[in-house]
ModelCIF file with pLDDT and N, C-alpha, C, O atoms, coordinates in Angstrom:
data_MODEL
#
_entry.id   MODEL 
#
_entity.id                         1 
_entity.type                       polymer 
_entity.pdbx_number_of_molecules   1 
#
_entity_poly.entity_id                      1 
_entity_poly.type                           'polypeptide(L)' 
_entity_poly.nstd_linkage                   no 
_entity_poly.nstd_monomer                   no 
_entity_poly.pdbx_seq_one_letter_code       
;(UNK)(UNK)(UNK)(UNK)(UNK)(UNK)(UNK)(UNK)(UNK)(UNK)(UNK)(UNK)(UNK)(UNK)(UNK)(UNK)
(UNK)(UNK)(UNK)(UNK)(UNK)(UNK)(UNK)(UNK)(UNK)(UNK)(UNK)(UNK)(UNK)(UNK)(UNK)(UNK)
(UNK)(UNK)(UNK)(UNK)(UNK)(UNK)(UNK)(UNK)
;
_entity_poly.pdbx_seq_one_letter_code_can   XXXXXXXXXXXXXXXXXXXXXXXXXXXXXXXXXXXXXXXX 
_entity_poly.pdbx_strand_id                 A 
#
loop_
_entity_poly_seq.entity_id 
_entity_poly_seq.num 
_entity_poly_seq.mon_id 
_entity_poly_seq.hetero 
1 1  UNK n 
1 2  UNK n 
1 3  UNK n 
1 4  UNK n 
1 5  UNK n 
1 6  UNK n 
1 7  UNK n 
1 8  UNK n 
1 9  UNK n 
1 10 UNK n 
1 11 UNK n 
1 12 UNK n 
1 13 UNK n 
1 14 UNK n 
1 15 UNK n 
1 16 UNK n 
1 17 UNK n 
1 18 UNK n 
1 19 UNK n 
1 20 UNK n 
1 21 UNK n 
1 22 UNK n 
1 23 UNK n 
1 24 UNK n 
1 25 UNK n 
1 26 UNK n 
1 27 UNK n 
1 28 UNK n 
1 29 UNK n 
1 30 UNK n 
1 31 UNK n 
1 32 UNK n 
1 33 UNK n 
1 34 UNK n 
1 35 UNK n 
1 36 UNK n 
1 37 UNK n 
1 38 UNK n 
1 39 UNK n 
1 40 UNK n 
#
_struct_asym.id          A 
_struct_asym.entity_id   1 
#
loop_
_ma_qa_metric.id 
_ma_qa_metric.mode 
_ma_qa_metric.name 
_ma_qa_metric.software_group_id 
_ma_qa_metric.type 
1 global pLDDT . pLDDT 
2 local  pLDDT . pLDDT 
#
_ma_qa_metric_global.metric_id      1 
_ma_qa_metric_global.metric_value   78.38 
_ma_qa_metric_global.model_id       1 
_ma_qa_metric_global.ordinal_id     1 
#
loop_
_ma_qa_metric_local.label_asym_id 
_ma_qa_metric_local.label_comp_id 
_ma_qa_metric_local.label_seq_id 
_ma_qa_metric_local.metric_id 
_ma_qa_metric_local.metric_value 
_ma_qa_metric_local.model_id 
_ma_qa_metric_local.ordinal_id 
A UNK 1  2 48.00 1 1  
A UNK 2  2 48.00 1 2  
A UNK 3  2 47.00 1 3  
A UNK 4  2 43.00 1 4  
A UNK 5  2 40.00 1 5  
A UNK 6  2 41.00 1 6  
A UNK 7  2 59.00 1 7  
A UNK 8  2 83.00 1 8  
A UNK 9  2 89.00 1 9  
A UNK 10 2 92.00 1 10 
A UNK 11 2 90.00 1 11 
A UNK 12 2 90.00 1 12 
A UNK 13 2 94.00 1 13 
A UNK 14 2 93.00 1 14 
A UNK 15 2 91.00 1 15 
A UNK 16 2 92.00 1 16 
A UNK 17 2 92.00 1 17 
A UNK 18 2 92.00 1 18 
A UNK 19 2 92.00 1 19 
A UNK 20 2 91.00 1 20 
A UNK 21 2 81.00 1 21 
A UNK 22 2 76.00 1 22 
A UNK 23 2 71.00 1 23 
A UNK 24 2 64.00 1 24 
A UNK 25 2 71.00 1 25 
A UNK 26 2 79.00 1 26 
A UNK 27 2 81.00 1 27 
A UNK 28 2 82.00 1 28 
A UNK 29 2 86.00 1 29 
A UNK 30 2 88.00 1 30 
A UNK 31 2 87.00 1 31 
A UNK 32 2 90.00 1 32 
A UNK 33 2 91.00 1 33 
A UNK 34 2 89.00 1 34 
A UNK 35 2 88.00 1 35 
A UNK 36 2 89.00 1 36 
A UNK 37 2 84.00 1 37 
A UNK 38 2 79.00 1 38 
A UNK 39 2 79.00 1 39 
A UNK 40 2 73.00 1 40 
#
loop_
_atom_site.group_PDB 
_atom_site.id 
_atom_site.type_symbol 
_atom_site.label_atom_id 
_atom_site.label_alt_id 
_atom_site.label_comp_id 
_atom_site.label_asym_id 
_atom_site.label_entity_id 
_atom_site.label_seq_id 
_atom_site.pdbx_PDB_ins_code 
_atom_site.Cartn_x 
_atom_site.Cartn_y 
_atom_site.Cartn_z 
_atom_site.occupancy 
_atom_site.B_iso_or_equiv 
_atom_site.pdbx_formal_charge 
_atom_site.auth_seq_id 
_atom_site.auth_comp_id 
_atom_site.auth_asym_id 
_atom_site.auth_atom_id 
_atom_site.pdbx_PDB_model_num 
ATOM 1   N N  . UNK A 1 1  ? -8.605 1.075   -6.601  1.00 48.00 ? 1  UNK A N  1 
ATOM 2   C CA . UNK A 1 1  ? -8.464 1.121   -5.155  1.00 48.00 ? 1  UNK A CA 1 
ATOM 3   C C  . UNK A 1 1  ? -7.366 0.151   -4.732  1.00 48.00 ? 1  UNK A C  1 
ATOM 4   O O  . UNK A 1 1  ? -7.239 -0.943  -5.282  1.00 48.00 ? 1  UNK A O  1 
ATOM 5   N N  . UNK A 1 2  ? -6.584 0.566   -3.756  1.00 48.00 ? 2  UNK A N  1 
ATOM 6   C CA . UNK A 1 2  ? -5.558 -0.316  -3.218  1.00 48.00 ? 2  UNK A CA 1 
ATOM 7   C C  . UNK A 1 2  ? -6.205 -1.395  -2.366  1.00 48.00 ? 2  UNK A C  1 
ATOM 8   O O  . UNK A 1 2  ? -7.217 -1.161  -1.704  1.00 48.00 ? 2  UNK A O  1 
ATOM 9   N N  . UNK A 1 3  ? -5.622 -2.548  -2.391  1.00 47.00 ? 3  UNK A N  1 
ATOM 10  C CA . UNK A 1 3  ? -6.089 -3.639  -1.557  1.00 47.00 ? 3  UNK A CA 1 
ATOM 11  C C  . UNK A 1 3  ? -5.789 -3.337  -0.091  1.00 47.00 ? 3  UNK A C  1 
ATOM 12  O O  . UNK A 1 3  ? -4.882 -2.565  0.219   1.00 47.00 ? 3  UNK A O  1 
ATOM 13  N N  . UNK A 1 4  ? -6.543 -3.941  0.788   1.00 43.00 ? 4  UNK A N  1 
ATOM 14  C CA . UNK A 1 4  ? -6.288 -3.804  2.230   1.00 43.00 ? 4  UNK A CA 1 
ATOM 15  C C  . UNK A 1 4  ? -5.877 -5.173  2.775   1.00 43.00 ? 4  UNK A C  1 
ATOM 16  O O  . UNK A 1 4  ? -6.658 -5.802  3.489   1.00 43.00 ? 4  UNK A O  1 
ATOM 17  N N  . UNK A 1 5  ? -4.666 -5.649  2.452   1.00 40.00 ? 5  UNK A N  1 
ATOM 18  C CA . UNK A 1 5  ? -4.242 -6.971  2.911   1.00 40.00 ? 5  UNK A CA 1 
ATOM 19  C C  . UNK A 1 5  ? -4.131 -7.005  4.424   1.00 40.00 ? 5  UNK A C  1 
ATOM 20  O O  . UNK A 1 5  ? -3.866 -5.983  5.058   1.00 40.00 ? 5  UNK A O  1 
ATOM 21  N N  . UNK A 1 6  ? -4.333 -8.169  4.996   1.00 41.00 ? 6  UNK A N  1 
ATOM 22  C CA . UNK A 1 6  ? -4.318 -8.277  6.448   1.00 41.00 ? 6  UNK A CA 1 
ATOM 23  C C  . UNK A 1 6  ? -2.928 -8.082  7.020   1.00 41.00 ? 6  UNK A C  1 
ATOM 24  O O  . UNK A 1 6  ? -2.788 -7.564  8.128   1.00 41.00 ? 6  UNK A O  1 
ATOM 25  N N  . UNK A 1 7  ? -1.898 -8.483  6.292   1.00 59.00 ? 7  UNK A N  1 
ATOM 26  C CA . UNK A 1 7  ? -0.555 -8.405  6.876   1.00 59.00 ? 7  UNK A CA 1 
ATOM 27  C C  . UNK A 1 7  ? 0.541  -8.096  5.874   1.00 59.00 ? 7  UNK A C  1 
ATOM 28  O O  . UNK A 1 7  ? 1.564  -7.534  6.265   1.00 59.00 ? 7  UNK A O  1 
ATOM 29  N N  . UNK A 1 8  ? 0.381  -8.433  4.602   1.00 83.00 ? 8  UNK A N  1 
ATOM 30  C CA . UNK A 1 8  ? 1.535  -8.479  3.709   1.00 83.00 ? 8  UNK A CA 1 
ATOM 31  C C  . UNK A 1 8  ? 2.267  -7.153  3.588   1.00 83.00 ? 8  UNK A C  1 
ATOM 32  O O  . UNK A 1 8  ? 3.496  -7.129  3.652   1.00 83.00 ? 8  UNK A O  1 
ATOM 33  N N  . UNK A 1 9  ? 1.549  -6.048  3.414   1.00 89.00 ? 9  UNK A N  1 
ATOM 34  C CA . UNK A 1 9  ? 2.231  -4.766  3.263   1.00 89.00 ? 9  UNK A CA 1 
ATOM 35  C C  . UNK A 1 9  ? 2.972  -4.379  4.533   1.00 89.00 ? 9  UNK A C  1 
ATOM 36  O O  . UNK A 1 9  ? 4.097  -3.881  4.474   1.00 89.00 ? 9  UNK A O  1 
ATOM 37  N N  . UNK A 1 10 ? 2.347  -4.606  5.674   1.00 92.00 ? 10 UNK A N  1 
ATOM 38  C CA . UNK A 1 10 ? 3.002  -4.276  6.947   1.00 92.00 ? 10 UNK A CA 1 
ATOM 39  C C  . UNK A 1 10 ? 4.243  -5.154  7.167   1.00 92.00 ? 10 UNK A C  1 
ATOM 40  O O  . UNK A 1 10 ? 5.293  -4.664  7.583   1.00 92.00 ? 10 UNK A O  1 
ATOM 41  N N  . UNK A 1 11 ? 4.109  -6.448  6.885   1.00 90.00 ? 11 UNK A N  1 
ATOM 42  C CA . UNK A 1 11 ? 5.241  -7.367  7.061   1.00 90.00 ? 11 UNK A CA 1 
ATOM 43  C C  . UNK A 1 11 ? 6.385  -6.978  6.132   1.00 90.00 ? 11 UNK A C  1 
ATOM 44  O O  . UNK A 1 11 ? 7.545  -6.948  6.543   1.00 90.00 ? 11 UNK A O  1 
ATOM 45  N N  . UNK A 1 12 ? 6.055  -6.683  4.887   1.00 90.00 ? 12 UNK A N  1 
ATOM 46  C CA . UNK A 1 12 ? 7.074  -6.284  3.918   1.00 90.00 ? 12 UNK A CA 1 
ATOM 47  C C  . UNK A 1 12 ? 7.757  -4.997  4.349   1.00 90.00 ? 12 UNK A C  1 
ATOM 48  O O  . UNK A 1 12 ? 8.976  -4.869  4.241   1.00 90.00 ? 12 UNK A O  1 
ATOM 49  N N  . UNK A 1 13 ? 6.980  -4.051  4.833   1.00 94.00 ? 13 UNK A N  1 
ATOM 50  C CA . UNK A 1 13 ? 7.519  -2.772  5.301   1.00 94.00 ? 13 UNK A CA 1 
ATOM 51  C C  . UNK A 1 13 ? 8.563  -2.999  6.394   1.00 94.00 ? 13 UNK A C  1 
ATOM 52  O O  . UNK A 1 13 ? 9.675  -2.476  6.318   1.00 94.00 ? 13 UNK A O  1 
ATOM 53  N N  . UNK A 1 14 ? 8.197  -3.778  7.404   1.00 93.00 ? 14 UNK A N  1 
ATOM 54  C CA . UNK A 1 14 ? 9.112  -4.007  8.527   1.00 93.00 ? 14 UNK A CA 1 
ATOM 55  C C  . UNK A 1 14 ? 10.331 -4.817  8.099   1.00 93.00 ? 14 UNK A C  1 
ATOM 56  O O  . UNK A 1 14 ? 11.457 -4.494  8.477   1.00 93.00 ? 14 UNK A O  1 
ATOM 57  N N  . UNK A 1 15 ? 10.109 -5.874  7.308   1.00 91.00 ? 15 UNK A N  1 
ATOM 58  C CA . UNK A 1 15 ? 11.221 -6.738  6.903   1.00 91.00 ? 15 UNK A CA 1 
ATOM 59  C C  . UNK A 1 15 ? 12.227 -5.987  6.042   1.00 91.00 ? 15 UNK A C  1 
ATOM 60  O O  . UNK A 1 15 ? 13.430 -6.228  6.143   1.00 91.00 ? 15 UNK A O  1 
ATOM 61  N N  . UNK A 1 16 ? 11.749 -5.088  5.204   1.00 92.00 ? 16 UNK A N  1 
ATOM 62  C CA . UNK A 1 16 ? 12.639 -4.375  4.280   1.00 92.00 ? 16 UNK A CA 1 
ATOM 63  C C  . UNK A 1 16 ? 13.456 -3.292  4.964   1.00 92.00 ? 16 UNK A C  1 
ATOM 64  O O  . UNK A 1 16 ? 14.358 -2.721  4.351   1.00 92.00 ? 16 UNK A O  1 
ATOM 65  N N  . UNK A 1 17 ? 13.156 -3.000  6.222   1.00 92.00 ? 17 UNK A N  1 
ATOM 66  C CA . UNK A 1 17 ? 13.937 -2.005  6.946   1.00 92.00 ? 17 UNK A CA 1 
ATOM 67  C C  . UNK A 1 17 ? 15.208 -2.587  7.557   1.00 92.00 ? 17 UNK A C  1 
ATOM 68  O O  . UNK A 1 17 ? 16.059 -1.838  8.038   1.00 92.00 ? 17 UNK A O  1 
ATOM 69  N N  . UNK A 1 18 ? 15.348 -3.902  7.545   1.00 92.00 ? 18 UNK A N  1 
ATOM 70  C CA . UNK A 1 18 ? 16.538 -4.547  8.112   1.00 92.00 ? 18 UNK A CA 1 
ATOM 71  C C  . UNK A 1 18 ? 17.729 -4.314  7.190   1.00 92.00 ? 18 UNK A C  1 
ATOM 72  O O  . UNK A 1 18 ? 17.694 -4.698  6.021   1.00 92.00 ? 18 UNK A O  1 
ATOM 73  N N  . UNK A 1 19 ? 18.772 -3.694  7.704   1.00 92.00 ? 19 UNK A N  1 
ATOM 74  C CA . UNK A 1 19 ? 19.940 -3.354  6.890   1.00 92.00 ? 19 UNK A CA 1 
ATOM 75  C C  . UNK A 1 19 ? 20.695 -4.578  6.399   1.00 92.00 ? 19 UNK A C  1 
ATOM 76  O O  . UNK A 1 19 ? 21.505 -4.472  5.479   1.00 92.00 ? 19 UNK A O  1 
ATOM 77  N N  . UNK A 1 20 ? 20.443 -5.746  6.999   1.00 91.00 ? 20 UNK A N  1 
ATOM 78  C CA . UNK A 1 20 ? 21.107 -6.970  6.571   1.00 91.00 ? 20 UNK A CA 1 
ATOM 79  C C  . UNK A 1 20 ? 20.114 -7.948  5.944   1.00 91.00 ? 20 UNK A C  1 
ATOM 80  O O  . UNK A 1 20 ? 20.366 -9.152  5.892   1.00 91.00 ? 20 UNK A O  1 
ATOM 81  N N  . UNK A 1 21 ? 18.992 -7.425  5.474   1.00 81.00 ? 21 UNK A N  1 
ATOM 82  C CA . UNK A 1 21 ? 17.973 -8.271  4.865   1.00 81.00 ? 21 UNK A CA 1 
ATOM 83  C C  . UNK A 1 21 ? 18.514 -8.969  3.622   1.00 81.00 ? 21 UNK A C  1 
ATOM 84  O O  . UNK A 1 21 ? 19.209 -8.357  2.812   1.00 81.00 ? 21 UNK A O  1 
ATOM 85  N N  . UNK A 1 22 ? 18.198 -10.235 3.478   1.00 76.00 ? 22 UNK A N  1 
ATOM 86  C CA . UNK A 1 22 ? 18.565 -10.987 2.277   1.00 76.00 ? 22 UNK A CA 1 
ATOM 87  C C  . UNK A 1 22 ? 17.263 -11.381 1.592   1.00 76.00 ? 22 UNK A C  1 
ATOM 88  O O  . UNK A 1 22 ? 16.660 -12.400 1.926   1.00 76.00 ? 22 UNK A O  1 
ATOM 89  N N  . UNK A 1 23 ? 16.837 -10.570 0.635   1.00 71.00 ? 23 UNK A N  1 
ATOM 90  C CA . UNK A 1 23 ? 15.559 -10.815 -0.038  1.00 71.00 ? 23 UNK A CA 1 
ATOM 91  C C  . UNK A 1 23 ? 15.785 -10.802 -1.542  1.00 71.00 ? 23 UNK A C  1 
ATOM 92  O O  . UNK A 1 23 ? 14.985 -10.256 -2.303  1.00 71.00 ? 23 UNK A O  1 
ATOM 93  N N  . UNK A 1 24 ? 16.891 -11.413 -1.956  1.00 64.00 ? 24 UNK A N  1 
ATOM 94  C CA . UNK A 1 24 ? 17.297 -11.354 -3.358  1.00 64.00 ? 24 UNK A CA 1 
ATOM 95  C C  . UNK A 1 24 ? 16.732 -12.500 -4.189  1.00 64.00 ? 24 UNK A C  1 
ATOM 96  O O  . UNK A 1 24 ? 17.239 -12.780 -5.275  1.00 64.00 ? 24 UNK A O  1 
ATOM 97  N N  . UNK A 1 25 ? 15.686 -13.172 -3.692  1.00 71.00 ? 25 UNK A N  1 
ATOM 98  C CA . UNK A 1 25 ? 15.186 -14.323 -4.422  1.00 71.00 ? 25 UNK A CA 1 
ATOM 99  C C  . UNK A 1 25 ? 14.430 -13.907 -5.681  1.00 71.00 ? 25 UNK A C  1 
ATOM 100 O O  . UNK A 1 25 ? 13.822 -12.836 -5.708  1.00 71.00 ? 25 UNK A O  1 
ATOM 101 N N  . UNK A 1 26 ? 14.460 -14.728 -6.712  1.00 79.00 ? 26 UNK A N  1 
ATOM 102 C CA . UNK A 1 26 ? 13.795 -14.386 -7.969  1.00 79.00 ? 26 UNK A CA 1 
ATOM 103 C C  . UNK A 1 26 ? 12.302 -14.170 -7.827  1.00 79.00 ? 26 UNK A C  1 
ATOM 104 O O  . UNK A 1 26 ? 11.732 -13.339 -8.535  1.00 79.00 ? 26 UNK A O  1 
ATOM 105 N N  . UNK A 1 27 ? 11.640 -14.913 -6.910  1.00 81.00 ? 27 UNK A N  1 
ATOM 106 C CA . UNK A 1 27 ? 10.192 -14.781 -6.765  1.00 81.00 ? 27 UNK A CA 1 
ATOM 107 C C  . UNK A 1 27 ? 9.807  -13.380 -6.318  1.00 81.00 ? 27 UNK A C  1 
ATOM 108 O O  . UNK A 1 27 ? 8.853  -12.801 -6.837  1.00 81.00 ? 27 UNK A O  1 
ATOM 109 N N  . UNK A 1 28 ? 10.549 -12.830 -5.352  1.00 82.00 ? 28 UNK A N  1 
ATOM 110 C CA . UNK A 1 28 ? 10.251 -11.484 -4.883  1.00 82.00 ? 28 UNK A CA 1 
ATOM 111 C C  . UNK A 1 28 ? 10.516 -10.463 -5.972  1.00 82.00 ? 28 UNK A C  1 
ATOM 112 O O  . UNK A 1 28 ? 9.724  -9.543  -6.176  1.00 82.00 ? 28 UNK A O  1 
ATOM 113 N N  . UNK A 1 29 ? 11.624 -10.622 -6.667  1.00 86.00 ? 29 UNK A N  1 
ATOM 114 C CA . UNK A 1 29 ? 11.938 -9.687  -7.752  1.00 86.00 ? 29 UNK A CA 1 
ATOM 115 C C  . UNK A 1 29 ? 10.864 -9.747  -8.831  1.00 86.00 ? 29 UNK A C  1 
ATOM 116 O O  . UNK A 1 29 ? 10.451 -8.714  -9.357  1.00 86.00 ? 29 UNK A O  1 
ATOM 117 N N  . UNK A 1 30 ? 10.412 -10.950 -9.159  1.00 88.00 ? 30 UNK A N  1 
ATOM 118 C CA . UNK A 1 30 ? 9.357  -11.094 -10.167 1.00 88.00 ? 30 UNK A CA 1 
ATOM 119 C C  . UNK A 1 30 ? 8.066  -10.434 -9.690  1.00 88.00 ? 30 UNK A C  1 
ATOM 120 O O  . UNK A 1 30 ? 7.359  -9.803  -10.475 1.00 88.00 ? 30 UNK A O  1 
ATOM 121 N N  . UNK A 1 31 ? 7.759  -10.585 -8.385  1.00 87.00 ? 31 UNK A N  1 
ATOM 122 C CA . UNK A 1 31 ? 6.553  -9.965  -7.839  1.00 87.00 ? 31 UNK A CA 1 
ATOM 123 C C  . UNK A 1 31 ? 6.637  -8.442  -7.912  1.00 87.00 ? 31 UNK A C  1 
ATOM 124 O O  . UNK A 1 31 ? 5.644  -7.774  -8.200  1.00 87.00 ? 31 UNK A O  1 
ATOM 125 N N  . UNK A 1 32 ? 7.820  -7.900  -7.651  1.00 90.00 ? 32 UNK A N  1 
ATOM 126 C CA . UNK A 1 32 ? 7.990  -6.448  -7.720  1.00 90.00 ? 32 UNK A CA 1 
ATOM 127 C C  . UNK A 1 32 ? 7.868  -5.947  -9.157  1.00 90.00 ? 32 UNK A C  1 
ATOM 128 O O  . UNK A 1 32 ? 7.291  -4.889  -9.407  1.00 90.00 ? 32 UNK A O  1 
ATOM 129 N N  . UNK A 1 33 ? 8.409  -6.707  -10.087 1.00 91.00 ? 33 UNK A N  1 
ATOM 130 C CA . UNK A 1 33 ? 8.279  -6.303  -11.495 1.00 91.00 ? 33 UNK A CA 1 
ATOM 131 C C  . UNK A 1 33 ? 6.820  -6.360  -11.942 1.00 91.00 ? 33 UNK A C  1 
ATOM 132 O O  . UNK A 1 33 ? 6.364  -5.514  -12.711 1.00 91.00 ? 33 UNK A O  1 
ATOM 133 N N  . UNK A 1 34 ? 6.099  -7.361  -11.454 1.00 89.00 ? 34 UNK A N  1 
ATOM 134 C CA . UNK A 1 34 ? 4.669  -7.435  -11.756 1.00 89.00 ? 34 UNK A CA 1 
ATOM 135 C C  . UNK A 1 34 ? 3.932  -6.244  -11.146 1.00 89.00 ? 34 UNK A C  1 
ATOM 136 O O  . UNK A 1 34 ? 3.039  -5.667  -11.767 1.00 89.00 ? 34 UNK A O  1 
ATOM 137 N N  . UNK A 1 35 ? 4.315  -5.888  -9.932  1.00 88.00 ? 35 UNK A N  1 
ATOM 138 C CA . UNK A 1 35 ? 3.686  -4.753  -9.259  1.00 88.00 ? 35 UNK A CA 1 
ATOM 139 C C  . UNK A 1 35 ? 3.840  -3.469  -10.056 1.00 88.00 ? 35 UNK A C  1 
ATOM 140 O O  . UNK A 1 35 ? 2.943  -2.626  -10.057 1.00 88.00 ? 35 UNK A O  1 
ATOM 141 N N  . UNK A 1 36 ? 4.970  -3.314  -10.735 1.00 89.00 ? 36 UNK A N  1 
ATOM 142 C CA . UNK A 1 36 ? 5.209  -2.092  -11.503 1.00 89.00 ? 36 UNK A CA 1 
ATOM 143 C C  . UNK A 1 36 ? 4.252  -1.945  -12.681 1.00 89.00 ? 36 UNK A C  1 
ATOM 144 O O  . UNK A 1 36 ? 4.192  -0.884  -13.302 1.00 89.00 ? 36 UNK A O  1 
ATOM 145 N N  . UNK A 1 37 ? 3.510  -2.992  -12.990 1.00 84.00 ? 37 UNK A N  1 
ATOM 146 C CA . UNK A 1 37 ? 2.480  -2.904  -14.032 1.00 84.00 ? 37 UNK A CA 1 
ATOM 147 C C  . UNK A 1 37 ? 1.085  -3.101  -13.442 1.00 84.00 ? 37 UNK A C  1 
ATOM 148 O O  . UNK A 1 37 ? 0.133  -3.340  -14.185 1.00 84.00 ? 37 UNK A O  1 
ATOM 149 N N  . UNK A 1 38 ? 0.949  -3.003  -12.120 1.00 79.00 ? 38 UNK A N  1 
ATOM 150 C CA . UNK A 1 38 ? -0.327 -3.273  -11.457 1.00 79.00 ? 38 UNK A CA 1 
ATOM 151 C C  . UNK A 1 38 ? -1.417 -2.306  -11.893 1.00 79.00 ? 38 UNK A C  1 
ATOM 152 O O  . UNK A 1 38 ? -2.598 -2.648  -11.847 1.00 79.00 ? 38 UNK A O  1 
ATOM 153 N N  . UNK A 1 39 ? -1.045 -1.124  -12.309 1.00 79.00 ? 39 UNK A N  1 
ATOM 154 C CA . UNK A 1 39 ? -2.022 -0.123  -12.731 1.00 79.00 ? 39 UNK A CA 1 
ATOM 155 C C  . UNK A 1 39 ? -2.036 0.027   -14.250 1.00 79.00 ? 39 UNK A C  1 
ATOM 156 O O  . UNK A 1 39 ? -2.468 1.045   -14.790 1.00 79.00 ? 39 UNK A O  1 
ATOM 157 N N  . UNK A 1 40 ? -1.554 -1.012  -14.919 1.00 73.00 ? 40 UNK A N  1 
ATOM 158 C CA . UNK A 1 40 ? -1.487 -0.962  -16.376 1.00 73.00 ? 40 UNK A CA 1 
ATOM 159 C C  . UNK A 1 40 ? -0.095 -0.572  -16.814 1.00 73.00 ? 40 UNK A C  1 
ATOM 160 O O  . UNK A 1 40 ? 0.171  -0.473  -18.011 1.00 73.00 ? 40 UNK A O  1 
#
């Protein structure tokens, strides 16, 4: 089952729509790579 976070998915959704977003930090990239194995 997917988690029902209070804000994180919604915040990420809105922030990632900004055409000038600067989210190139290693922590976010590492989190996304971890997410790609979230279901095994």
